[in-house]
Amino acid sequence: MAKSSKLSTFAPIIVLVAICLVASFLLAGVYQLTAPVIAEITEKTNSEARLAVLPEGNSFTQITDVDLVNGVNDVYKADNGAGIVCSTSFNGFGGAVKLMIGVSADGQVTGVQVLEQSETPGVGSNALTTSYLEQFNGQSDAAAVDFYSGATFTSKAVRNGVSAALAQYSAVKAAGEI
């Protein structure tokens, strides 16, 4: 094989590898710059959601010494004893439905807020409206709220999230955290 033939064979490979390396380093650099900002915004959003679903709470402390119920991502207790707040994640039709759920000190749901979802607009998303989610307020059993007609998978994800938060409340209470 001639020298120029080898060069013409490997030159495109070398160029592509160099482009990939430069692109990788640029992406890594952008990630390093934006990761702290994204984390700060996420924490601020979660703090606001905690206050929205448990308005009686003044500040919150994460509970780490109690096992999490299946589907519960984290649990926080209100520092003034007003109750707990859980973030949950269950699959709906379009993917994970992430919720923030407040439970009062007496074991009743105080609020449900959607953190993240990718349900079908006008169908599954109907089970994520404020009017539907407010039906859980004051309930101590998620089964007391009917599924939203036409959005069964999403309704099931919401109901599972509320049930998990109520189960987490029982676990936290049994552990003597509230």
N, C-alpha and C. Protein backbone atom coordinates (compact mmCIF):
# COMPACT_ATOMS: atom_id res chain seq x y z
N MET A 1 0.84 -1.17 0.00
CA MET A 1 0.00 0.00 0.00
C MET A 1 0.89 1.23 0.00
N ALA A 2 0.58 2.19 -0.82
CA ALA A 2 1.39 3.40 -0.94
C ALA A 2 1.15 4.29 0.26
N LYS A 3 2.16 5.17 0.51
CA LYS A 3 2.11 6.06 1.65
C LYS A 3 0.93 7.02 1.55
N SER A 4 0.65 7.57 0.40
CA SER A 4 -0.46 8.52 0.24
C SER A 4 -1.81 7.82 0.38
N SER A 5 -1.85 6.54 0.03
CA SER A 5 -3.09 5.77 0.18
C SER A 5 -3.41 5.56 1.65
N LYS A 6 -2.39 5.29 2.47
CA LYS A 6 -2.59 5.14 3.91
C LYS A 6 -3.06 6.45 4.51
N LEU A 7 -2.46 7.55 4.10
CA LEU A 7 -2.82 8.86 4.62
C LEU A 7 -4.26 9.21 4.26
N SER A 8 -4.65 8.92 3.04
CA SER A 8 -6.03 9.24 2.63
C SER A 8 -7.04 8.35 3.35
N THR A 9 -6.62 7.19 3.80
CA THR A 9 -7.52 6.30 4.54
C THR A 9 -7.68 6.75 5.99
N PHE A 10 -6.60 7.15 6.63
CA PHE A 10 -6.64 7.49 8.05
C PHE A 10 -6.91 8.96 8.34
N ALA A 11 -6.74 9.84 7.41
CA ALA A 11 -6.94 11.27 7.64
C ALA A 11 -8.37 11.58 8.11
N PRO A 12 -9.40 11.06 7.45
CA PRO A 12 -10.77 11.35 7.94
C PRO A 12 -11.02 10.82 9.34
N ILE A 13 -10.44 9.68 9.67
CA ILE A 13 -10.61 9.12 11.01
C ILE A 13 -9.97 10.03 12.05
N ILE A 14 -8.77 10.50 11.76
CA ILE A 14 -8.07 11.39 12.69
C ILE A 14 -8.84 12.69 12.87
N VAL A 15 -9.36 13.24 11.81
CA VAL A 15 -10.13 14.49 11.88
C VAL A 15 -11.40 14.27 12.72
N LEU A 16 -12.11 13.18 12.48
CA LEU A 16 -13.33 12.89 13.25
C LEU A 16 -13.05 12.69 14.73
N VAL A 17 -11.97 12.00 15.05
CA VAL A 17 -11.60 11.80 16.45
C VAL A 17 -11.28 13.14 17.11
N ALA A 18 -10.56 13.99 16.40
CA ALA A 18 -10.22 15.31 16.95
C ALA A 18 -11.48 16.14 17.17
N ILE A 19 -12.42 16.11 16.24
CA ILE A 19 -13.69 16.85 16.40
C ILE A 19 -14.47 16.32 17.59
N CYS A 20 -14.52 15.02 17.73
CA CYS A 20 -15.23 14.41 18.86
C CYS A 20 -14.60 14.80 20.20
N LEU A 21 -13.29 14.81 20.27
CA LEU A 21 -12.61 15.20 21.49
C LEU A 21 -12.90 16.66 21.85
N VAL A 22 -12.81 17.54 20.88
CA VAL A 22 -13.09 18.96 21.13
C VAL A 22 -14.54 19.14 21.59
N ALA A 23 -15.48 18.48 20.91
CA ALA A 23 -16.89 18.59 21.29
C ALA A 23 -17.12 18.05 22.70
N SER A 24 -16.47 16.95 23.05
CA SER A 24 -16.62 16.36 24.39
C SER A 24 -16.10 17.32 25.46
N PHE A 25 -14.94 17.92 25.22
CA PHE A 25 -14.39 18.86 26.19
C PHE A 25 -15.28 20.10 26.34
N LEU A 26 -15.83 20.57 25.23
CA LEU A 26 -16.74 21.71 25.30
C LEU A 26 -18.00 21.38 26.09
N LEU A 27 -18.59 20.22 25.84
CA LEU A 27 -19.78 19.80 26.59
C LEU A 27 -19.48 19.65 28.07
N ALA A 28 -18.35 19.06 28.39
CA ALA A 28 -17.97 18.91 29.80
C ALA A 28 -17.79 20.27 30.47
N GLY A 29 -17.20 21.21 29.75
CA GLY A 29 -17.02 22.55 30.30
C GLY A 29 -18.34 23.26 30.54
N VAL A 30 -19.26 23.16 29.59
CA VAL A 30 -20.57 23.78 29.75
C VAL A 30 -21.31 23.15 30.93
N TYR A 31 -21.21 21.83 31.05
CA TYR A 31 -21.85 21.15 32.19
C TYR A 31 -21.29 21.65 33.51
N GLN A 32 -19.97 21.79 33.60
CA GLN A 32 -19.34 22.27 34.84
C GLN A 32 -19.81 23.68 35.19
N LEU A 33 -20.06 24.50 34.18
CA LEU A 33 -20.52 25.86 34.43
C LEU A 33 -21.99 25.92 34.83
N THR A 34 -22.82 25.06 34.25
CA THR A 34 -24.26 25.15 34.48
C THR A 34 -24.77 24.28 35.61
N ALA A 35 -24.05 23.24 36.00
CA ALA A 35 -24.53 22.31 37.04
C ALA A 35 -24.87 23.01 38.36
N PRO A 36 -24.02 23.90 38.88
CA PRO A 36 -24.38 24.57 40.14
C PRO A 36 -25.63 25.46 40.01
N VAL A 37 -25.78 26.11 38.88
CA VAL A 37 -26.94 26.97 38.66
C VAL A 37 -28.21 26.13 38.60
N ILE A 38 -28.15 25.02 37.89
CA ILE A 38 -29.31 24.13 37.78
C ILE A 38 -29.67 23.56 39.15
N ALA A 39 -28.68 23.15 39.93
CA ALA A 39 -28.93 22.61 41.27
C ALA A 39 -29.57 23.66 42.17
N GLU A 40 -29.11 24.90 42.08
CA GLU A 40 -29.67 25.98 42.88
C GLU A 40 -31.13 26.25 42.50
N ILE A 41 -31.42 26.29 41.22
CA ILE A 41 -32.79 26.52 40.75
C ILE A 41 -33.70 25.36 41.16
N THR A 42 -33.21 24.14 41.06
CA THR A 42 -33.99 22.97 41.46
C THR A 42 -34.32 23.01 42.95
N GLU A 43 -33.34 23.34 43.76
CA GLU A 43 -33.57 23.41 45.20
C GLU A 43 -34.56 24.53 45.54
N LYS A 44 -34.45 25.65 44.87
CA LYS A 44 -35.39 26.76 45.10
C LYS A 44 -36.81 26.35 44.71
N THR A 45 -36.95 25.68 43.57
CA THR A 45 -38.26 25.20 43.12
C THR A 45 -38.84 24.20 44.11
N ASN A 46 -38.01 23.27 44.59
CA ASN A 46 -38.48 22.28 45.55
C ASN A 46 -38.87 22.92 46.88
N SER A 47 -38.12 23.92 47.33
CA SER A 47 -38.46 24.62 48.57
C SER A 47 -39.80 25.34 48.45
N GLU A 48 -40.02 25.99 47.30
CA GLU A 48 -41.29 26.66 47.07
C GLU A 48 -42.44 25.66 47.01
N ALA A 49 -42.20 24.49 46.40
CA ALA A 49 -43.23 23.46 46.33
C ALA A 49 -43.54 22.91 47.71
N ARG A 50 -42.53 22.74 48.57
CA ARG A 50 -42.77 22.27 49.94
C ARG A 50 -43.69 23.22 50.68
N LEU A 51 -43.41 24.51 50.56
CA LEU A 51 -44.26 25.51 51.23
C LEU A 51 -45.66 25.54 50.64
N ALA A 52 -45.78 25.28 49.34
CA ALA A 52 -47.10 25.30 48.70
C ALA A 52 -47.97 24.12 49.14
N VAL A 53 -47.38 22.94 49.31
CA VAL A 53 -48.18 21.76 49.66
C VAL A 53 -48.36 21.59 51.16
N LEU A 54 -47.56 22.26 51.97
CA LEU A 54 -47.73 22.24 53.42
C LEU A 54 -47.56 23.68 53.92
N PRO A 55 -48.58 24.51 53.67
CA PRO A 55 -48.45 25.94 53.99
C PRO A 55 -48.23 26.23 55.48
N GLU A 56 -48.63 25.31 56.35
CA GLU A 56 -48.44 25.52 57.79
C GLU A 56 -46.98 25.38 58.19
N GLY A 57 -46.20 24.72 57.34
CA GLY A 57 -44.78 24.55 57.63
C GLY A 57 -44.02 25.84 57.40
N ASN A 58 -43.05 26.11 58.26
CA ASN A 58 -42.27 27.34 58.11
C ASN A 58 -40.90 27.09 57.47
N SER A 59 -40.30 25.98 57.83
CA SER A 59 -39.04 25.55 57.23
C SER A 59 -38.99 24.04 57.33
N PHE A 60 -38.11 23.43 56.56
CA PHE A 60 -38.12 21.98 56.45
C PHE A 60 -36.71 21.40 56.60
N THR A 61 -36.66 20.22 57.20
CA THR A 61 -35.41 19.49 57.38
C THR A 61 -35.59 18.10 56.78
N GLN A 62 -34.63 17.67 55.98
CA GLN A 62 -34.73 16.36 55.36
C GLN A 62 -34.55 15.26 56.41
N ILE A 63 -35.41 14.25 56.32
CA ILE A 63 -35.31 13.09 57.19
C ILE A 63 -34.52 12.02 56.43
N THR A 64 -33.41 11.61 57.01
CA THR A 64 -32.55 10.64 56.33
C THR A 64 -32.45 9.31 57.07
N ASP A 65 -32.94 9.24 58.32
CA ASP A 65 -32.77 8.02 59.10
C ASP A 65 -34.00 7.11 59.10
N VAL A 66 -34.93 7.35 58.17
CA VAL A 66 -36.10 6.49 58.00
C VAL A 66 -36.06 5.93 56.59
N ASP A 67 -36.32 4.63 56.45
CA ASP A 67 -36.34 4.02 55.12
C ASP A 67 -37.44 4.63 54.28
N LEU A 68 -37.13 4.88 53.02
CA LEU A 68 -38.10 5.46 52.11
C LEU A 68 -39.02 4.38 51.54
N VAL A 69 -40.29 4.71 51.46
CA VAL A 69 -41.29 3.83 50.86
C VAL A 69 -41.03 3.80 49.36
N ASN A 70 -41.36 2.69 48.72
CA ASN A 70 -41.19 2.57 47.27
C ASN A 70 -41.89 3.72 46.55
N GLY A 71 -41.16 4.42 45.70
CA GLY A 71 -41.71 5.53 44.93
C GLY A 71 -41.45 6.90 45.56
N VAL A 72 -41.04 6.93 46.82
CA VAL A 72 -40.73 8.19 47.49
C VAL A 72 -39.26 8.50 47.27
N ASN A 73 -38.99 9.70 46.77
CA ASN A 73 -37.61 10.10 46.49
C ASN A 73 -36.93 10.72 47.69
N ASP A 74 -37.67 11.51 48.45
CA ASP A 74 -37.15 12.12 49.67
C ASP A 74 -38.32 12.54 50.55
N VAL A 75 -38.01 12.77 51.81
CA VAL A 75 -39.03 13.20 52.76
C VAL A 75 -38.44 14.28 53.66
N TYR A 76 -39.21 15.32 53.87
CA TYR A 76 -38.83 16.44 54.72
C TYR A 76 -39.89 16.61 55.80
N LYS A 77 -39.46 16.99 57.00
CA LYS A 77 -40.43 17.31 58.04
C LYS A 77 -40.42 18.81 58.28
N ALA A 78 -41.59 19.32 58.59
CA ALA A 78 -41.70 20.74 58.93
C ALA A 78 -41.06 20.94 60.29
N ASP A 79 -40.23 21.94 60.42
CA ASP A 79 -39.53 22.18 61.68
C ASP A 79 -40.47 22.58 62.80
N ASN A 80 -41.66 23.08 62.45
CA ASN A 80 -42.62 23.47 63.48
C ASN A 80 -43.62 22.36 63.80
N GLY A 81 -43.40 21.15 63.26
CA GLY A 81 -44.26 20.00 63.56
C GLY A 81 -45.55 19.95 62.77
N ALA A 82 -45.68 20.73 61.70
CA ALA A 82 -46.92 20.79 60.93
C ALA A 82 -47.15 19.53 60.11
N GLY A 83 -46.11 18.73 59.86
CA GLY A 83 -46.27 17.52 59.07
C GLY A 83 -45.02 17.22 58.27
N ILE A 84 -45.23 16.47 57.17
CA ILE A 84 -44.12 16.10 56.30
C ILE A 84 -44.46 16.44 54.86
N VAL A 85 -43.41 16.47 54.05
CA VAL A 85 -43.55 16.67 52.61
C VAL A 85 -42.69 15.62 51.92
N CYS A 86 -43.29 14.92 50.95
CA CYS A 86 -42.57 13.88 50.19
C CYS A 86 -42.56 14.24 48.72
N SER A 87 -41.48 13.92 48.05
CA SER A 87 -41.50 13.96 46.59
C SER A 87 -41.56 12.51 46.13
N THR A 88 -42.45 12.25 45.17
CA THR A 88 -42.66 10.89 44.68
C THR A 88 -42.50 10.84 43.17
N SER A 89 -42.32 9.66 42.66
CA SER A 89 -42.20 9.46 41.22
C SER A 89 -42.80 8.11 40.85
N PHE A 90 -43.85 8.15 40.03
CA PHE A 90 -44.48 6.94 39.51
C PHE A 90 -44.74 7.14 38.03
N ASN A 91 -44.73 6.04 37.29
CA ASN A 91 -44.94 6.12 35.84
C ASN A 91 -46.40 6.31 35.50
N GLY A 92 -46.64 7.30 34.64
CA GLY A 92 -47.94 7.49 34.03
C GLY A 92 -47.88 6.91 32.63
N PHE A 93 -48.70 7.42 31.73
CA PHE A 93 -48.70 6.92 30.36
C PHE A 93 -47.47 7.41 29.59
N GLY A 94 -47.10 8.69 29.79
CA GLY A 94 -46.02 9.28 29.03
C GLY A 94 -44.67 9.27 29.71
N GLY A 95 -44.57 8.66 30.88
CA GLY A 95 -43.31 8.63 31.60
C GLY A 95 -43.53 8.93 33.07
N ALA A 96 -42.47 9.32 33.75
CA ALA A 96 -42.54 9.57 35.18
C ALA A 96 -43.38 10.81 35.49
N VAL A 97 -44.23 10.67 36.50
CA VAL A 97 -45.01 11.79 37.04
C VAL A 97 -44.42 12.05 38.42
N LYS A 98 -43.72 13.17 38.55
CA LYS A 98 -43.07 13.52 39.81
C LYS A 98 -43.93 14.54 40.54
N LEU A 99 -44.24 14.20 41.79
CA LEU A 99 -45.15 15.02 42.59
C LEU A 99 -44.49 15.42 43.91
N MET A 100 -44.96 16.53 44.46
CA MET A 100 -44.62 16.94 45.82
C MET A 100 -45.93 16.89 46.59
N ILE A 101 -45.93 16.16 47.71
CA ILE A 101 -47.15 15.92 48.46
C ILE A 101 -46.93 16.27 49.92
N GLY A 102 -47.82 17.08 50.46
CA GLY A 102 -47.78 17.45 51.86
C GLY A 102 -48.77 16.62 52.66
N VAL A 103 -48.35 16.21 53.86
CA VAL A 103 -49.22 15.46 54.77
C VAL A 103 -49.13 16.14 56.13
N SER A 104 -50.29 16.50 56.68
CA SER A 104 -50.33 17.21 57.96
C SER A 104 -49.94 16.28 59.10
N ALA A 105 -49.74 16.85 60.28
CA ALA A 105 -49.34 16.08 61.45
C ALA A 105 -50.41 15.06 61.84
N ASP A 106 -51.65 15.27 61.42
CA ASP A 106 -52.71 14.30 61.73
C ASP A 106 -52.95 13.32 60.59
N GLY A 107 -52.08 13.29 59.57
CA GLY A 107 -52.14 12.27 58.53
C GLY A 107 -53.06 12.55 57.37
N GLN A 108 -53.38 13.80 57.13
CA GLN A 108 -54.23 14.15 55.99
C GLN A 108 -53.42 14.92 54.95
N VAL A 109 -53.75 14.67 53.68
CA VAL A 109 -53.06 15.35 52.59
C VAL A 109 -53.40 16.84 52.64
N THR A 110 -52.37 17.67 52.56
CA THR A 110 -52.58 19.12 52.58
C THR A 110 -52.39 19.75 51.21
N GLY A 111 -51.77 19.01 50.31
CA GLY A 111 -51.56 19.55 48.97
C GLY A 111 -50.77 18.60 48.10
N VAL A 112 -51.03 18.69 46.80
CA VAL A 112 -50.31 17.89 45.81
C VAL A 112 -49.91 18.84 44.69
N GLN A 113 -48.65 18.83 44.33
CA GLN A 113 -48.16 19.70 43.26
C GLN A 113 -47.31 18.88 42.30
N VAL A 114 -47.49 19.13 41.02
CA VAL A 114 -46.71 18.45 39.99
C VAL A 114 -45.35 19.12 39.85
N LEU A 115 -44.29 18.33 39.96
CA LEU A 115 -42.94 18.84 39.76
C LEU A 115 -42.48 18.64 38.33
N GLU A 116 -42.84 17.48 37.77
CA GLU A 116 -42.38 17.14 36.43
C GLU A 116 -43.31 16.09 35.84
N GLN A 117 -43.61 16.22 34.56
CA GLN A 117 -44.46 15.25 33.88
C GLN A 117 -44.30 15.38 32.38
N SER A 118 -44.64 14.30 31.69
CA SER A 118 -44.59 14.32 30.22
C SER A 118 -45.82 13.61 29.66
N GLU A 119 -46.95 13.85 30.30
CA GLU A 119 -48.19 13.21 29.88
C GLU A 119 -48.76 13.90 28.64
N THR A 120 -49.63 13.21 27.95
CA THR A 120 -50.23 13.71 26.72
C THR A 120 -51.11 14.93 27.04
N PRO A 121 -50.84 16.07 26.39
CA PRO A 121 -51.66 17.26 26.63
C PRO A 121 -53.13 17.00 26.25
N GLY A 122 -54.02 17.42 27.13
CA GLY A 122 -55.44 17.28 26.86
C GLY A 122 -56.00 15.91 27.17
N VAL A 123 -55.15 14.96 27.51
CA VAL A 123 -55.64 13.62 27.87
C VAL A 123 -55.10 13.30 29.26
N GLY A 124 -53.89 12.75 29.33
CA GLY A 124 -53.30 12.41 30.62
C GLY A 124 -53.06 13.63 31.50
N SER A 125 -52.74 14.74 30.88
CA SER A 125 -52.47 15.95 31.67
C SER A 125 -53.71 16.45 32.39
N ASN A 126 -54.89 15.98 31.98
CA ASN A 126 -56.13 16.38 32.68
C ASN A 126 -56.14 15.88 34.12
N ALA A 127 -55.45 14.79 34.39
CA ALA A 127 -55.37 14.26 35.75
C ALA A 127 -54.31 14.98 36.57
N LEU A 128 -53.71 16.00 36.01
CA LEU A 128 -52.69 16.77 36.73
C LEU A 128 -53.12 18.22 36.93
N THR A 129 -54.38 18.50 36.67
CA THR A 129 -54.89 19.86 36.86
C THR A 129 -55.09 20.13 38.34
N THR A 130 -55.09 21.40 38.68
CA THR A 130 -55.29 21.81 40.07
C THR A 130 -56.61 21.30 40.60
N SER A 131 -57.67 21.38 39.80
CA SER A 131 -58.98 20.96 40.29
C SER A 131 -59.00 19.46 40.62
N TYR A 132 -58.31 18.65 39.85
CA TYR A 132 -58.27 17.22 40.17
C TYR A 132 -57.38 16.97 41.39
N LEU A 133 -56.21 17.57 41.44
CA LEU A 133 -55.27 17.34 42.54
C LEU A 133 -55.82 17.83 43.88
N GLU A 134 -56.62 18.89 43.86
CA GLU A 134 -57.20 19.41 45.10
C GLU A 134 -58.17 18.43 45.75
N GLN A 135 -58.68 17.47 44.99
CA GLN A 135 -59.60 16.48 45.57
C GLN A 135 -58.90 15.61 46.62
N PHE A 136 -57.58 15.53 46.58
CA PHE A 136 -56.84 14.75 47.56
C PHE A 136 -56.69 15.49 48.89
N ASN A 137 -56.83 16.81 48.87
CA ASN A 137 -56.67 17.59 50.10
C ASN A 137 -57.69 17.14 51.15
N GLY A 138 -57.21 16.95 52.36
CA GLY A 138 -58.05 16.53 53.46
C GLY A 138 -58.28 15.02 53.51
N GLN A 139 -57.75 14.28 52.57
CA GLN A 139 -57.94 12.83 52.53
C GLN A 139 -56.81 12.14 53.30
N SER A 140 -57.16 11.03 53.94
CA SER A 140 -56.15 10.18 54.58
C SER A 140 -56.04 8.84 53.86
N ASP A 141 -56.76 8.72 52.75
CA ASP A 141 -56.72 7.51 51.91
C ASP A 141 -56.84 7.96 50.46
N ALA A 142 -55.83 7.66 49.66
CA ALA A 142 -55.83 8.10 48.25
C ALA A 142 -56.95 7.46 47.45
N ALA A 143 -57.42 6.29 47.87
CA ALA A 143 -58.48 5.60 47.14
C ALA A 143 -59.81 6.34 47.25
N ALA A 144 -59.90 7.34 48.12
CA ALA A 144 -61.14 8.12 48.25
C ALA A 144 -61.40 9.00 47.03
N VAL A 145 -60.37 9.20 46.20
CA VAL A 145 -60.51 10.02 44.99
C VAL A 145 -60.55 9.08 43.79
N ASP A 146 -61.57 9.24 42.95
CA ASP A 146 -61.73 8.40 41.76
C ASP A 146 -60.67 8.74 40.72
N PHE A 147 -60.41 7.76 39.85
CA PHE A 147 -59.53 8.00 38.72
C PHE A 147 -60.19 9.01 37.79
N TYR A 148 -59.36 9.76 37.07
CA TYR A 148 -59.87 10.70 36.09
C TYR A 148 -60.20 9.92 34.82
N SER A 149 -61.42 10.03 34.35
CA SER A 149 -61.86 9.28 33.18
C SER A 149 -61.04 9.67 31.95
N GLY A 150 -60.50 8.68 31.27
CA GLY A 150 -59.71 8.91 30.08
C GLY A 150 -58.23 9.11 30.36
N ALA A 151 -57.87 9.17 31.63
CA ALA A 151 -56.47 9.37 32.00
C ALA A 151 -56.11 8.40 33.12
N THR A 152 -56.41 7.15 32.89
CA THR A 152 -56.26 6.14 33.94
C THR A 152 -54.81 5.98 34.38
N PHE A 153 -53.88 5.91 33.45
CA PHE A 153 -52.47 5.70 33.81
C PHE A 153 -51.95 6.87 34.64
N THR A 154 -52.29 8.08 34.23
CA THR A 154 -51.84 9.27 34.96
C THR A 154 -52.52 9.34 36.32
N SER A 155 -53.82 9.06 36.36
CA SER A 155 -54.54 9.05 37.63
C SER A 155 -53.94 8.03 38.59
N LYS A 156 -53.57 6.87 38.05
CA LYS A 156 -52.96 5.83 38.88
C LYS A 156 -51.61 6.31 39.42
N ALA A 157 -50.84 7.02 38.60
CA ALA A 157 -49.55 7.54 39.05
C ALA A 157 -49.75 8.54 40.19
N VAL A 158 -50.77 9.40 40.06
CA VAL A 158 -51.05 10.38 41.11
C VAL A 158 -51.51 9.66 42.37
N ARG A 159 -52.43 8.73 42.21
CA ARG A 159 -52.93 7.99 43.38
C ARG A 159 -51.81 7.22 44.06
N ASN A 160 -50.94 6.58 43.27
CA ASN A 160 -49.80 5.86 43.85
C ASN A 160 -48.87 6.81 44.60
N GLY A 161 -48.68 8.00 44.04
CA GLY A 161 -47.83 8.99 44.72
C GLY A 161 -48.41 9.42 46.05
N VAL A 162 -49.70 9.69 46.07
CA VAL A 162 -50.36 10.10 47.32
C VAL A 162 -50.34 8.95 48.32
N SER A 163 -50.62 7.74 47.86
CA SER A 163 -50.58 6.56 48.75
C SER A 163 -49.18 6.37 49.33
N ALA A 164 -48.16 6.54 48.51
CA ALA A 164 -46.78 6.40 48.98
C ALA A 164 -46.45 7.47 50.02
N ALA A 165 -46.91 8.69 49.79
CA ALA A 165 -46.66 9.77 50.77
C ALA A 165 -47.36 9.47 52.09
N LEU A 166 -48.57 8.95 52.04
CA LEU A 166 -49.29 8.60 53.26
C LEU A 166 -48.61 7.44 53.99
N ALA A 167 -48.11 6.46 53.23
CA ALA A 167 -47.36 5.36 53.84
C ALA A 167 -46.06 5.86 54.45
N GLN A 168 -45.42 6.83 53.78
CA GLN A 168 -44.19 7.41 54.31
C GLN A 168 -44.47 8.16 55.60
N TYR A 169 -45.61 8.85 55.65
CA TYR A 169 -46.02 9.53 56.88
C TYR A 169 -46.12 8.53 58.02
N SER A 170 -46.75 7.37 57.77
CA SER A 170 -46.88 6.35 58.80
C SER A 170 -45.52 5.86 59.26
N ALA A 171 -44.59 5.67 58.33
CA ALA A 171 -43.25 5.21 58.68
C ALA A 171 -42.50 6.27 59.50
N VAL A 172 -42.65 7.53 59.12
CA VAL A 172 -41.99 8.61 59.84
C VAL A 172 -42.57 8.74 61.25
N LYS A 173 -43.88 8.63 61.34
CA LYS A 173 -44.54 8.72 62.65
C LYS A 173 -44.13 7.55 63.54
N ALA A 174 -44.07 6.34 62.96
CA ALA A 174 -43.66 5.15 63.74
C ALA A 174 -42.22 5.29 64.23
N ALA A 175 -41.41 5.97 63.48
CA ALA A 175 -40.01 6.17 63.88
C ALA A 175 -39.85 7.29 64.90
N GLY A 176 -40.94 7.99 65.20
CA GLY A 176 -40.90 9.05 66.19
C GLY A 176 -40.32 10.36 65.70
N GLU A 177 -40.31 10.54 64.36
CA GLU A 177 -39.76 11.76 63.79
C GLU A 177 -40.75 12.92 63.86
N ILE A 178 -42.04 12.62 63.95
CA ILE A 178 -43.04 13.69 64.11
C ILE A 178 -44.01 13.33 65.22
